[in-house]
Amino acid sequence: MAPSDVASGSAATARAATRPKTARIRADQWTSLDELARRLHDARSTKAERITSNTLIRIAIDGLLEHGDRLEGDHEGELLAAWLEFLDQRKAARNR
């Protein structure tokens, strides 16, 4: 399912189309992800759909898959640096 399909479809349909995938994350990532999901969930203007850590993980994956051509590097640190540089460039372009 393409990101645009998920965005336009219902939450139930999007969840029904998902499959579990295990990722090893650090304790600080776990905590921060849960805190961010909780903050976004509490700040919703429409209370129809829950925002969870899994929601945020799926969003991050969709972003990486859509813009994966911006990633380059030989290890996690270099890949992260390339991704953050791409995000900074997008943010700067929006602010012009």
PDB file of N, CA and C in Angstrom:
ATOM      1  N   MET A   1       0.852  -1.177   0.000  1.00  0.00           N
ATOM      2  CA  MET A   1       0.000   0.000   0.000  1.00  0.00           C
ATOM      3  C   MET A   1       0.890   1.230   0.000  1.00  0.00           C
ATOM      4  N   ALA A   2       0.682   2.123  -0.909  1.00  0.00           N
ATOM      5  CA  ALA A   2       1.473   3.348  -1.025  1.00  0.00           C
ATOM      6  C   ALA A   2       1.104   4.310   0.093  1.00  0.00           C
ATOM      7  N   PRO A   3       2.058   5.196   0.482  1.00  0.00           N
ATOM      8  CA  PRO A   3       1.761   6.157   1.540  1.00  0.00           C
ATOM      9  C   PRO A   3       0.510   6.975   1.271  1.00  0.00           C
ATOM     10  N   SER A   4       0.286   7.379   0.021  1.00  0.00           N
ATOM     11  CA  SER A   4      -0.904   8.163  -0.294  1.00  0.00           C
ATOM     12  C   SER A   4      -2.173   7.340  -0.106  1.00  0.00           C
ATOM     13  N   ASP A   5      -2.097   6.022  -0.362  1.00  0.00           N
ATOM     14  CA  ASP A   5      -3.248   5.154  -0.144  1.00  0.00           C
ATOM     15  C   ASP A   5      -3.603   5.097   1.334  1.00  0.00           C
ATOM     16  N   VAL A   6      -2.588   5.001   2.183  1.00  0.00           N
ATOM     17  CA  VAL A   6      -2.814   4.949   3.619  1.00  0.00           C
ATOM     18  C   VAL A   6      -3.385   6.268   4.104  1.00  0.00           C
ATOM     19  N   ALA A   7      -2.850   7.382   3.600  1.00  0.00           N
ATOM     20  CA  ALA A   7      -3.305   8.697   4.032  1.00  0.00           C
ATOM     21  C   ALA A   7      -4.764   8.926   3.667  1.00  0.00           C
ATOM     22  N   SER A   8      -5.207   8.395   2.541  1.00  0.00           N
ATOM     23  CA  SER A   8      -6.579   8.626   2.108  1.00  0.00           C
ATOM     24  C   SER A   8      -7.538   7.558   2.620  1.00  0.00           C
ATOM     25  N   GLY A   9      -7.015   6.411   3.067  1.00  0.00           N
ATOM     26  CA  GLY A   9      -7.865   5.325   3.538  1.00  0.00           C
ATOM     27  C   GLY A   9      -8.196   5.462   5.005  1.00  0.00           C
ATOM     28  N   SER A  10      -9.033   4.554   5.469  1.00  0.00           N
ATOM     29  CA  SER A  10      -9.402   4.586   6.880  1.00  0.00           C
ATOM     30  C   SER A  10      -8.289   3.974   7.722  1.00  0.00           C
ATOM     31  N   ALA A  11      -8.270   4.321   8.992  1.00  0.00           N
ATOM     32  CA  ALA A  11      -7.266   3.783   9.914  1.00  0.00           C
ATOM     33  C   ALA A  11      -7.396   2.271  10.031  1.00  0.00           C
ATOM     34  N   ALA A  12      -8.631   1.777  10.065  1.00  0.00           N
ATOM     35  CA  ALA A  12      -8.844   0.337  10.190  1.00  0.00           C
ATOM     36  C   ALA A  12      -8.295  -0.405   8.978  1.00  0.00           C
ATOM     37  N   THR A  13      -8.511   0.151   7.795  1.00  0.00           N
ATOM     38  CA  THR A  13      -7.995  -0.469   6.574  1.00  0.00           C
ATOM     39  C   THR A  13      -6.477  -0.470   6.578  1.00  0.00           C
ATOM     40  N   ALA A  14      -5.875   0.632   6.985  1.00  0.00           N
ATOM     41  CA  ALA A  14      -4.418   0.729   7.028  1.00  0.00           C
ATOM     42  C   ALA A  14      -3.847  -0.284   8.004  1.00  0.00           C
ATOM     43  N   ARG A  15      -4.455  -0.416   9.176  1.00  0.00           N
ATOM     44  CA  ARG A  15      -3.955  -1.378  10.172  1.00  0.00           C
ATOM     45  C   ARG A  15      -4.137  -2.809   9.681  1.00  0.00           C
ATOM     46  N   ALA A  16      -5.247  -3.078   9.018  1.00  0.00           N
ATOM     47  CA  ALA A  16      -5.504  -4.435   8.542  1.00  0.00           C
ATOM     48  C   ALA A  16      -4.468  -4.869   7.510  1.00  0.00           C
ATOM     49  N   ALA A  17      -3.883  -3.929   6.811  1.00  0.00           N
ATOM     50  CA  ALA A  17      -2.920  -4.248   5.761  1.00  0.00           C
ATOM     51  C   ALA A  17      -1.497  -4.352   6.295  1.00  0.00           C
ATOM     52  N   THR A  18      -1.299  -4.200   7.594  1.00  0.00           N
ATOM     53  CA  THR A  18       0.056  -4.210   8.149  1.00  0.00           C
ATOM     54  C   THR A  18       0.468  -5.605   8.586  1.00  0.00           C
ATOM     55  N   ARG A  19       1.779  -5.805   8.642  1.00  0.00           N
ATOM     56  CA  ARG A  19       2.365  -7.045   9.151  1.00  0.00           C
ATOM     57  C   ARG A  19       3.450  -6.669  10.144  1.00  0.00           C
ATOM     58  N   PRO A  20       3.679  -7.499  11.150  1.00  0.00           N
ATOM     59  CA  PRO A  20       4.715  -7.169  12.130  1.00  0.00           C
ATOM     60  C   PRO A  20       6.121  -7.285  11.547  1.00  0.00           C
ATOM     61  N   LYS A  21       6.985  -6.393  11.969  1.00  0.00           N
ATOM     62  CA  LYS A  21       8.404  -6.406  11.605  1.00  0.00           C
ATOM     63  C   LYS A  21       9.156  -5.987  12.865  1.00  0.00           C
ATOM     64  N   THR A  22      10.131  -6.748  13.252  1.00  0.00           N
ATOM     65  CA  THR A  22      10.872  -6.458  14.474  1.00  0.00           C
ATOM     66  C   THR A  22      12.082  -5.593  14.169  1.00  0.00           C
ATOM     67  N   ALA A  23      12.283  -4.576  14.995  1.00  0.00           N
ATOM     68  CA  ALA A  23      13.463  -3.722  14.878  1.00  0.00           C
ATOM     69  C   ALA A  23      14.076  -3.568  16.267  1.00  0.00           C
ATOM     70  N   ARG A  24      15.376  -3.614  16.328  1.00  0.00           N
ATOM     71  CA  ARG A  24      16.067  -3.419  17.594  1.00  0.00           C
ATOM     72  C   ARG A  24      16.339  -1.928  17.749  1.00  0.00           C
ATOM     73  N   ILE A  25      15.808  -1.349  18.825  1.00  0.00           N
ATOM     74  CA  ILE A  25      16.014   0.069  19.073  1.00  0.00           C
ATOM     75  C   ILE A  25      16.595   0.258  20.466  1.00  0.00           C
ATOM     76  N   ARG A  26      17.295   1.389  20.623  1.00  0.00           N
ATOM     77  CA  ARG A  26      17.916   1.698  21.913  1.00  0.00           C
ATOM     78  C   ARG A  26      16.847   2.104  22.924  1.00  0.00           C
ATOM     79  N   ALA A  27      17.190   2.036  24.196  1.00  0.00           N
ATOM     80  CA  ALA A  27      16.259   2.406  25.268  1.00  0.00           C
ATOM     81  C   ALA A  27      15.816   3.862  25.136  1.00  0.00           C
ATOM     82  N   ASP A  28      16.744   4.757  24.778  1.00  0.00           N
ATOM     83  CA  ASP A  28      16.367   6.167  24.639  1.00  0.00           C
ATOM     84  C   ASP A  28      15.418   6.371  23.461  1.00  0.00           C
ATOM     85  N   GLN A  29      15.580   5.603  22.394  1.00  0.00           N
ATOM     86  CA  GLN A  29      14.675   5.695  21.255  1.00  0.00           C
ATOM     87  C   GLN A  29      13.280   5.201  21.659  1.00  0.00           C
ATOM     88  N   TRP A  30      13.238   4.122  22.386  1.00  0.00           N
ATOM     89  CA  TRP A  30      11.975   3.535  22.848  1.00  0.00           C
ATOM     90  C   TRP A  30      11.195   4.559  23.661  1.00  0.00           C
ATOM     91  N   THR A  31      11.877   5.142  24.648  1.00  0.00           N
ATOM     92  CA  THR A  31      11.238   6.115  25.536  1.00  0.00           C
ATOM     93  C   THR A  31      10.800   7.361  24.782  1.00  0.00           C
ATOM     94  N   SER A  32      11.688   7.906  23.963  1.00  0.00           N
ATOM     95  CA  SER A  32      11.370   9.128  23.221  1.00  0.00           C
ATOM     96  C   SER A  32      10.250   8.905  22.218  1.00  0.00           C
ATOM     97  N   LEU A  33      10.232   7.759  21.582  1.00  0.00           N
ATOM     98  CA  LEU A  33       9.179   7.435  20.624  1.00  0.00           C
ATOM     99  C   LEU A  33       7.828   7.359  21.326  1.00  0.00           C
ATOM    100  N   ASP A  34       7.791   6.683  22.481  1.00  0.00           N
ATOM    101  CA  ASP A  34       6.547   6.603  23.244  1.00  0.00           C
ATOM    102  C   ASP A  34       6.093   7.982  23.705  1.00  0.00           C
ATOM    103  N   GLU A  35       7.020   8.816  24.155  1.00  0.00           N
ATOM    104  CA  GLU A  35       6.681  10.168  24.605  1.00  0.00           C
ATOM    105  C   GLU A  35       6.144  11.020  23.451  1.00  0.00           C
ATOM    106  N   LEU A  36       6.789  10.931  22.279  1.00  0.00           N
ATOM    107  CA  LEU A  36       6.331  11.687  21.121  1.00  0.00           C
ATOM    108  C   LEU A  36       4.938  11.226  20.694  1.00  0.00           C
ATOM    109  N   ALA A  37       4.724   9.923  20.645  1.00  0.00           N
ATOM    110  CA  ALA A  37       3.403   9.397  20.263  1.00  0.00           C
ATOM    111  C   ALA A  37       2.344   9.869  21.253  1.00  0.00           C
ATOM    112  N   ARG A  38       2.657   9.836  22.529  1.00  0.00           N
ATOM    113  CA  ARG A  38       1.702  10.273  23.548  1.00  0.00           C
ATOM    114  C   ARG A  38       1.383  11.762  23.396  1.00  0.00           C
ATOM    115  N   ARG A  39       2.421  12.576  23.158  1.00  0.00           N
ATOM    116  CA  ARG A  39       2.222  14.020  22.993  1.00  0.00           C
ATOM    117  C   ARG A  39       1.349  14.315  21.766  1.00  0.00           C
ATOM    118  N   LEU A  40       1.660  13.662  20.634  1.00  0.00           N
ATOM    119  CA  LEU A  40       0.874  13.870  19.415  1.00  0.00           C
ATOM    120  C   LEU A  40      -0.557  13.360  19.583  1.00  0.00           C
ATOM    121  N   HIS A  41      -0.698  12.233  20.264  1.00  0.00           N
ATOM    122  CA  HIS A  41      -2.028  11.660  20.504  1.00  0.00           C
ATOM    123  C   HIS A  41      -2.873  12.616  21.335  1.00  0.00           C
ATOM    124  N   ASP A  42      -2.292  13.167  22.388  1.00  0.00           N
ATOM    125  CA  ASP A  42      -3.021  14.080  23.273  1.00  0.00           C
ATOM    126  C   ASP A  42      -3.358  15.402  22.590  1.00  0.00           C
ATOM    127  N   ALA A  43      -2.543  15.813  21.605  1.00  0.00           N
ATOM    128  CA  ALA A  43      -2.733  17.110  20.942  1.00  0.00           C
ATOM    129  C   ALA A  43      -3.662  17.035  19.729  1.00  0.00           C
ATOM    130  N   ARG A  44      -4.181  15.869  19.417  1.00  0.00           N
ATOM    131  CA  ARG A  44      -5.041  15.715  18.234  1.00  0.00           C
ATOM    132  C   ARG A  44      -6.256  16.624  18.309  1.00  0.00           C
ATOM    133  N   SER A  45      -6.644  17.188  17.178  1.00  0.00           N
ATOM    134  CA  SER A  45      -7.874  17.976  17.125  1.00  0.00           C
ATOM    135  C   SER A  45      -9.071  17.073  16.835  1.00  0.00           C
ATOM    136  N   THR A  46      -8.832  15.985  16.111  1.00  0.00           N
ATOM    137  CA  THR A  46      -9.861  14.988  15.833  1.00  0.00           C
ATOM    138  C   THR A  46      -9.481  13.720  16.582  1.00  0.00           C
ATOM    139  N   LYS A  47     -10.363  13.244  17.422  1.00  0.00           N
ATOM    140  CA  LYS A  47     -10.044  12.121  18.308  1.00  0.00           C
ATOM    141  C   LYS A  47     -10.415  10.761  17.717  1.00  0.00           C
ATOM    142  N   ALA A  48     -10.563  10.673  16.403  1.00  0.00           N
ATOM    143  CA  ALA A  48     -11.024   9.435  15.779  1.00  0.00           C
ATOM    144  C   ALA A  48      -9.949   8.350  15.739  1.00  0.00           C
ATOM    145  N   GLU A  49      -8.737   8.701  15.428  1.00  0.00           N
ATOM    146  CA  GLU A  49      -7.682   7.705  15.220  1.00  0.00           C
ATOM    147  C   GLU A  49      -6.587   7.852  16.278  1.00  0.00           C
ATOM    148  N   ARG A  50      -6.170   6.719  16.849  1.00  0.00           N
ATOM    149  CA  ARG A  50      -5.088   6.731  17.832  1.00  0.00           C
ATOM    150  C   ARG A  50      -3.755   6.973  17.136  1.00  0.00           C
ATOM    151  N   ILE A  51      -2.867   7.666  17.817  1.00  0.00           N
ATOM    152  CA  ILE A  51      -1.496   7.837  17.352  1.00  0.00           C
ATOM    153  C   ILE A  51      -0.613   7.077  18.335  1.00  0.00           C
ATOM    154  N   THR A  52       0.086   6.075  17.818  1.00  0.00           N
ATOM    155  CA  THR A  52       0.925   5.210  18.655  1.00  0.00           C
ATOM    156  C   THR A  52       2.359   5.236  18.144  1.00  0.00           C
ATOM    157  N   SER A  53       3.223   4.579  18.873  1.00  0.00           N
ATOM    158  CA  SER A  53       4.610   4.422  18.415  1.00  0.00           C
ATOM    159  C   SER A  53       4.656   3.730  17.066  1.00  0.00           C
ATOM    160  N   ASN A  54       3.805   2.744  16.875  1.00  0.00           N
ATOM    161  CA  ASN A  54       3.768   2.043  15.586  1.00  0.00           C
ATOM    162  C   ASN A  54       3.338   2.977  14.457  1.00  0.00           C
ATOM    163  N   THR A  55       2.426   3.900  14.743  1.00  0.00           N
ATOM    164  CA  THR A  55       2.024   4.898  13.751  1.00  0.00           C
ATOM    165  C   THR A  55       3.250   5.681  13.293  1.00  0.00           C
ATOM    166  N   LEU A  56       4.037   6.159  14.264  1.00  0.00           N
ATOM    167  CA  LEU A  56       5.217   6.966  13.949  1.00  0.00           C
ATOM    168  C   LEU A  56       6.270   6.158  13.202  1.00  0.00           C
ATOM    169  N   ILE A  57       6.430   4.907  13.565  1.00  0.00           N
ATOM    170  CA  ILE A  57       7.390   4.046  12.866  1.00  0.00           C
ATOM    171  C   ILE A  57       6.970   3.878  11.408  1.00  0.00           C
ATOM    172  N   ARG A  58       5.681   3.649  11.158  1.00  0.00           N
ATOM    173  CA  ARG A  58       5.208   3.505   9.775  1.00  0.00           C
ATOM    174  C   ARG A  58       5.421   4.787   8.985  1.00  0.00           C
ATOM    175  N   ILE A  59       5.202   5.952   9.617  1.00  0.00           N
ATOM    176  CA  ILE A  59       5.435   7.236   8.950  1.00  0.00           C
ATOM    177  C   ILE A  59       6.909   7.383   8.595  1.00  0.00           C
ATOM    178  N   ALA A  60       7.788   7.041   9.522  1.00  0.00           N
ATOM    179  CA  ALA A  60       9.227   7.142   9.272  1.00  0.00           C
ATOM    180  C   ALA A  60       9.647   6.216   8.132  1.00  0.00           C
ATOM    181  N   ILE A  61       9.116   5.023   8.123  1.00  0.00           N
ATOM    182  CA  ILE A  61       9.439   4.071   7.056  1.00  0.00           C
ATOM    183  C   ILE A  61       8.957   4.597   5.710  1.00  0.00           C
ATOM    184  N   ASP A  62       7.736   5.113   5.665  1.00  0.00           N
ATOM    185  CA  ASP A  62       7.228   5.677   4.401  1.00  0.00           C
ATOM    186  C   ASP A  62       8.121   6.809   3.907  1.00  0.00           C
ATOM    187  N   GLY A  63       8.572   7.674   4.825  1.00  0.00           N
ATOM    188  CA  GLY A  63       9.475   8.767   4.438  1.00  0.00           C
ATOM    189  C   GLY A  63      10.789   8.258   3.897  1.00  0.00           C
ATOM    190  N   LEU A  64      11.350   7.261   4.551  1.00  0.00           N
ATOM    191  CA  LEU A  64      12.615   6.683   4.082  1.00  0.00           C
ATOM    192  C   LEU A  64      12.451   6.023   2.721  1.00  0.00           C
ATOM    193  N   LEU A  65      11.367   5.302   2.535  1.00  0.00           N
ATOM    194  CA  LEU A  65      11.160   4.619   1.255  1.00  0.00           C
ATOM    195  C   LEU A  65      10.910   5.617   0.128  1.00  0.00           C
ATOM    196  N   GLU A  66      10.182   6.675   0.430  1.00  0.00           N
ATOM    197  CA  GLU A  66       9.895   7.680  -0.598  1.00  0.00           C
ATOM    198  C   GLU A  66      11.143   8.459  -1.005  1.00  0.00           C
ATOM    199  N   HIS A  67      12.026   8.712  -0.062  1.00  0.00           N
ATOM    200  CA  HIS A  67      13.199   9.550  -0.318  1.00  0.00           C
ATOM    201  C   HIS A  67      14.510   8.799  -0.084  1.00  0.00           C
ATOM    202  N   GLY A  68      14.469   7.483  -0.201  1.00  0.00           N
ATOM    203  CA  GLY A  68      15.651   6.658   0.045  1.00  0.00           C
ATOM    204  C   GLY A  68      16.821   6.970  -0.872  1.00  0.00           C
ATOM    205  N   ASP A  69      16.545   7.583  -2.019  1.00  0.00           N
ATOM    206  CA  ASP A  69      17.633   7.941  -2.928  1.00  0.00           C
ATOM    207  C   ASP A  69      18.519   9.027  -2.331  1.00  0.00           C
ATOM    208  N   ARG A  70      18.071   9.677  -1.258  1.00  0.00           N
ATOM    209  CA  ARG A  70      18.869  10.716  -0.589  1.00  0.00           C
ATOM    210  C   ARG A  70      19.855  10.116   0.414  1.00  0.00           C
ATOM    211  N   LEU A  71      19.716   8.832   0.704  1.00  0.00           N
ATOM    212  CA  LEU A  71      20.592   8.178   1.675  1.00  0.00           C
ATOM    213  C   LEU A  71      21.871   7.710   0.999  1.00  0.00           C
ATOM    214  N   GLU A  72      22.981   7.983   1.657  1.00  0.00           N
ATOM    215  CA  GLU A  72      24.259   7.442   1.202  1.00  0.00           C
ATOM    216  C   GLU A  72      25.162   7.316   2.415  1.00  0.00           C
ATOM    217  N   GLY A  73      25.984   6.298   2.400  1.00  0.00           N
ATOM    218  CA  GLY A  73      26.901   6.086   3.506  1.00  0.00           C
ATOM    219  C   GLY A  73      27.213   4.621   3.676  1.00  0.00           C
ATOM    220  N   ASP A  74      28.241   4.375   4.472  1.00  0.00           N
ATOM    221  CA  ASP A  74      28.716   3.016   4.681  1.00  0.00           C
ATOM    222  C   ASP A  74      28.290   2.427   6.020  1.00  0.00           C
ATOM    223  N   HIS A  75      27.710   3.260   6.896  1.00  0.00           N
ATOM    224  CA  HIS A  75      27.270   2.760   8.197  1.00  0.00           C
ATOM    225  C   HIS A  75      26.142   3.656   8.717  1.00  0.00           C
ATOM    226  N   GLU A  76      25.553   3.243   9.822  1.00  0.00           N
ATOM    227  CA  GLU A  76      24.374   3.923  10.355  1.00  0.00           C
ATOM    228  C   GLU A  76      24.605   5.412  10.578  1.00  0.00           C
ATOM    229  N   GLY A  77      25.750   5.778  11.111  1.00  0.00           N
ATOM    230  CA  GLY A  77      26.038   7.187  11.369  1.00  0.00           C
ATOM    231  C   GLY A  77      26.022   8.026  10.105  1.00  0.00           C
ATOM    232  N   GLU A  78      26.624   7.524   9.037  1.00  0.00           N
ATOM    233  CA  GLU A  78      26.640   8.256   7.762  1.00  0.00           C
ATOM    234  C   GLU A  78      25.247   8.321   7.137  1.00  0.00           C
ATOM    235  N   LEU A  79      24.504   7.230   7.237  1.00  0.00           N
ATOM    236  CA  LEU A  79      23.144   7.218   6.703  1.00  0.00           C
ATOM    237  C   LEU A  79      22.261   8.213   7.456  1.00  0.00           C
ATOM    238  N   LEU A  80      22.396   8.245   8.779  1.00  0.00           N
ATOM    239  CA  LEU A  80      21.635   9.197   9.581  1.00  0.00           C
ATOM    240  C   LEU A  80      22.013  10.627   9.222  1.00  0.00           C
ATOM    241  N   ALA A  81      23.292  10.898   9.068  1.00  0.00           N
ATOM    242  CA  ALA A  81      23.745  12.248   8.708  1.00  0.00           C
ATOM    243  C   ALA A  81      23.151  12.669   7.358  1.00  0.00           C
ATOM    244  N   ALA A  82      23.128  11.761   6.389  1.00  0.00           N
ATOM    245  CA  ALA A  82      22.560  12.072   5.072  1.00  0.00           C
ATOM    246  C   ALA A  82      21.057  12.343   5.191  1.00  0.00           C
ATOM    247  N   TRP A  83      20.374  11.560   6.003  1.00  0.00           N
ATOM    248  CA  TRP A  83      18.933  11.741   6.179  1.00  0.00           C
ATOM    249  C   TRP A  83      18.634  13.077   6.848  1.00  0.00           C
ATOM    250  N   LEU A  84      19.385  13.400   7.900  1.00  0.00           N
ATOM    251  CA  LEU A  84      19.169  14.665   8.602  1.00  0.00           C
ATOM    252  C   LEU A  84      19.497  15.858   7.709  1.00  0.00           C
ATOM    253  N   GLU A  85      20.513  15.722   6.882  1.00  0.00           N
ATOM    254  CA  GLU A  85      20.847  16.789   5.928  1.00  0.00           C
ATOM    255  C   GLU A  85      19.689  16.995   4.953  1.00  0.00           C
ATOM    256  N   PHE A  86      19.120  15.918   4.452  1.00  0.00           N
ATOM    257  CA  PHE A  86      17.974  15.994   3.554  1.00  0.00           C
ATOM    258  C   PHE A  86      16.803  16.701   4.242  1.00  0.00           C
ATOM    259  N   LEU A  87      16.509  16.338   5.483  1.00  0.00           N
ATOM    260  CA  LEU A  87      15.411  16.973   6.211  1.00  0.00           C
ATOM    261  C   LEU A  87      15.675  18.453   6.429  1.00  0.00           C
ATOM    262  N   ASP A  88      16.911  18.821   6.734  1.00  0.00           N
ATOM    263  CA  ASP A  88      17.268  20.234   6.906  1.00  0.00           C
ATOM    264  C   ASP A  88      17.078  21.008   5.601  1.00  0.00           C
ATOM    265  N   GLN A  89      17.450  20.386   4.485  1.00  0.00           N
ATOM    266  CA  GLN A  89      17.281  21.046   3.186  1.00  0.00           C
ATOM    267  C   GLN A  89      15.804  21.267   2.883  1.00  0.00           C
ATOM    268  N   ARG A  90      14.979  20.302   3.193  1.00  0.00           N
ATOM    269  CA  ARG A  90      13.530  20.438   2.966  1.00  0.00           C
ATOM    270  C   ARG A  90      12.954  21.529   3.851  1.00  0.00           C
ATOM    271  N   LYS A  91      13.405  21.568   5.094  1.00  0.00           N
ATOM    272  CA  LYS A  91      12.923  22.591   6.023  1.00  0.00           C
ATOM    273  C   LYS A  91      13.334  23.981   5.550  1.00  0.00           C
ATOM    274  N   ALA A  92      14.583  24.132   5.103  1.00  0.00           N
ATOM    275  CA  ALA A  92      15.076  25.418   4.602  1.00  0.00           C
ATOM    276  C   ALA A  92      14.285  25.842   3.365  1.00  0.00           C
ATOM    277  N   ALA A  93      13.975  24.900   2.469  1.00  0.00           N
ATOM    278  CA  ALA A  93      13.218  25.208   1.262  1.00  0.00           C
ATOM    279  C   ALA A  93      11.804  25.678   1.611  1.00  0.00           C
ATOM    280  N   ARG A  94      11.188  25.085   2.614  1.00  0.00           N
ATOM    281  CA  ARG A  94       9.842  25.497   3.038  1.00  0.00           C
ATOM    282  C   ARG A  94       9.843  26.895   3.626  1.00  0.00           C
ATOM    283  N   ASN A  95      10.933  27.274   4.291  1.00  0.00           N
ATOM    284  CA  ASN A  95      11.007  28.554   4.970  1.00  0.00           C
ATOM    285  C   ASN A  95      11.364  29.708   4.047  1.00  0.00           C
ATOM    286  N   ARG A  96      11.611  29.430   2.785  1.00  0.00           N
ATOM    287  CA  ARG A  96      11.968  30.511   1.828  1.00  0.00           C
ATOM    288  C   ARG A  96      10.761  31.265   1.385  1.00  0.00           C
TER     289      ARG A  96
END
